[in-house]
């Protein structure tokens, strides 16, 4: 039987797997390029290059991971057992997966791009979780 906390744990675990997949895609797509230099992306690349898009997808995820991972681990430490929290974990995960897929698939310089909306859905899910933690702390 899946409990609320198990559901959140599973969503968080799948998020970590997604980060690992993004790292692998970015690393191996770049490594296959002629004259690839470890740790350096050709500055002439842009959204028309899958190497650039996969690198930016991974970097964007890393940029957002500190807040998400901190939020989720803080909630786990507080033993926050809320169905709404678990839904937010899954919404964040789904939003990041769709963001990733769109970044991989669509070469655009347009802003906002379709991926922007899923980035924002993830932000709203994270803010909701932070508010829930704040309310829990006030209740102590």
Protein backbone atom coordinates (compact mmCIF):
# COMPACT_ATOMS: atom_id res chain seq x y z
CA UNK A 1 0.00 0.00 0.00
CA UNK A 2 1.31 3.43 -0.93
CA UNK A 3 1.05 5.98 1.83
CA UNK A 4 1.28 9.76 1.46
CA UNK A 5 4.88 9.80 2.64
CA UNK A 6 5.81 6.85 0.42
CA UNK A 7 4.31 8.66 -2.55
CA UNK A 8 6.40 11.76 -1.82
CA UNK A 9 9.51 9.60 -1.30
CA UNK A 10 8.92 7.87 -4.64
CA UNK A 11 8.41 11.19 -6.44
CA UNK A 12 11.62 12.56 -4.90
CA UNK A 13 13.53 9.39 -5.85
CA UNK A 14 12.30 9.66 -9.45
CA UNK A 15 13.40 13.31 -9.48
CA UNK A 16 16.91 12.22 -8.52
CA UNK A 17 16.86 9.62 -11.30
CA UNK A 18 15.75 12.33 -13.74
CA UNK A 19 18.76 14.45 -12.74
CA UNK A 20 21.02 11.45 -13.35
CA UNK A 21 19.47 10.90 -16.80
CA UNK A 22 19.91 14.58 -17.67
CA UNK A 23 23.56 14.43 -16.62
CA UNK A 24 24.13 11.34 -18.78
CA UNK A 25 22.39 12.83 -21.83
CA UNK A 26 24.33 16.10 -21.53
CA UNK A 27 27.65 14.38 -20.90
CA UNK A 28 27.44 11.76 -23.61
CA UNK A 29 25.95 14.04 -26.28
CA UNK A 30 28.81 16.49 -25.74
CA UNK A 31 31.48 13.77 -25.55
CA UNK A 32 30.44 12.48 -28.99
CA UNK A 33 31.31 15.83 -30.57
CA UNK A 34 34.60 16.19 -32.48
CA UNK A 35 37.36 17.76 -30.37
CA UNK A 36 35.19 17.74 -27.23
CA UNK A 37 36.94 19.20 -24.20
CA UNK A 38 35.73 17.94 -20.79
CA UNK A 39 33.93 20.65 -18.83
CA UNK A 40 33.76 23.12 -21.72
CA UNK A 41 30.87 23.82 -24.08
CA UNK A 42 31.59 25.50 -27.39
CA UNK A 43 30.52 29.12 -26.90
CA UNK A 44 29.29 29.27 -30.50
CA UNK A 45 26.54 26.73 -29.80
CA UNK A 46 22.95 27.88 -29.35
CA UNK A 47 19.46 26.40 -29.22
CA UNK A 48 19.82 24.86 -32.66
CA UNK A 49 22.34 22.41 -31.13
CA UNK A 50 21.13 19.42 -29.11
CA UNK A 51 24.43 19.51 -27.21
CA UNK A 52 23.62 23.06 -26.08
CA UNK A 53 20.01 22.21 -25.22
CA UNK A 54 20.91 19.09 -23.25
CA UNK A 55 23.61 21.01 -21.38
CA UNK A 56 21.21 23.88 -20.58
CA UNK A 57 18.50 21.42 -19.51
CA UNK A 58 20.88 19.85 -17.00
CA UNK A 59 22.22 23.22 -15.85
CA UNK A 60 18.70 24.60 -15.42
CA UNK A 61 17.76 21.58 -13.35
CA UNK A 62 20.86 22.03 -11.18
CA UNK A 63 20.06 25.72 -10.74
CA UNK A 64 16.62 24.80 -9.43
CA UNK A 65 17.62 21.68 -7.49
CA UNK A 66 18.99 23.41 -4.40
CA UNK A 67 15.64 24.96 -3.53
CA UNK A 68 13.61 21.87 -4.41
CA UNK A 69 15.89 19.36 -2.68
CA UNK A 70 16.16 21.61 0.38
CA UNK A 71 12.40 22.07 0.51
CA UNK A 72 11.63 18.38 0.20
CA UNK A 73 14.28 17.25 2.68
CA UNK A 74 13.15 19.88 5.19
CA UNK A 75 9.57 18.65 4.85
CA UNK A 76 10.74 15.05 5.29
CA UNK A 77 12.69 16.07 8.42
CA UNK A 78 9.52 17.71 9.78
CA UNK A 79 7.60 14.52 8.93
CA UNK A 80 5.15 16.54 6.87
CA UNK A 81 2.50 13.94 5.97
CA UNK A 82 0.20 15.84 3.66
CA UNK A 83 -1.51 14.66 0.50
CA UNK A 84 -1.16 18.20 -0.87
CA UNK A 85 2.59 18.08 -0.25
CA UNK A 86 2.84 14.72 -2.03
CA UNK A 87 0.86 16.09 -4.98
CA UNK A 88 3.25 19.06 -5.14
CA UNK A 89 6.24 16.67 -5.27
CA UNK A 90 4.62 14.87 -8.21
CA UNK A 91 3.55 18.10 -9.95
CA UNK A 92 7.11 19.42 -9.65
CA UNK A 93 8.50 16.16 -11.05
CA UNK A 94 6.02 16.13 -13.95
CA UNK A 95 6.70 19.79 -14.73
CA UNK A 96 10.46 19.19 -14.78
CA UNK A 97 10.13 16.11 -16.99
CA UNK A 98 7.96 18.02 -19.47
CA UNK A 99 10.35 20.98 -19.29
CA UNK A 100 13.21 18.58 -20.08
CA UNK A 101 11.37 16.95 -22.99
CA UNK A 102 10.47 20.33 -24.48
CA UNK A 103 14.03 21.62 -24.08
CA UNK A 104 15.35 18.52 -25.85
CA UNK A 105 12.77 18.71 -28.63
CA UNK A 106 12.32 22.39 -29.43
CA UNK A 107 15.15 24.56 -30.72
CA UNK A 108 13.91 28.07 -30.08
CA UNK A 109 15.33 31.38 -28.96
CA UNK A 110 11.78 32.61 -28.29
CA UNK A 111 10.99 33.79 -24.80
CA UNK A 112 8.74 32.69 -23.32
CA UNK A 113 9.11 29.31 -24.93
CA UNK A 114 6.69 26.43 -24.28
CA UNK A 115 9.07 25.07 -21.64
CA UNK A 116 8.73 28.31 -19.65
CA UNK A 117 5.20 27.41 -18.60
CA UNK A 118 6.33 24.10 -17.13
CA UNK A 119 9.23 25.82 -15.39
CA UNK A 120 6.66 28.13 -13.77
CA UNK A 121 4.41 25.22 -12.76
CA UNK A 122 7.42 23.74 -10.95
CA UNK A 123 8.10 27.07 -9.23
CA UNK A 124 4.48 27.28 -8.03
CA UNK A 125 4.65 23.70 -6.71
CA UNK A 126 7.87 24.54 -4.84
CA UNK A 127 6.41 27.74 -3.38
CA UNK A 128 3.33 25.80 -2.25
CA UNK A 129 5.56 23.29 -0.44
CA UNK A 130 7.50 26.13 1.20
CA UNK A 131 4.26 27.72 2.39
CA UNK A 132 3.17 24.38 3.82
CA UNK A 133 6.47 24.09 5.70
CA UNK A 134 6.07 27.64 7.00
CA UNK A 135 2.56 26.90 8.24
CA UNK A 136 3.85 23.74 9.91
CA UNK A 137 6.60 25.71 11.65
CA UNK A 138 4.12 28.33 12.87
CA UNK A 139 1.95 25.54 14.31
CA UNK A 140 4.85 24.20 16.45
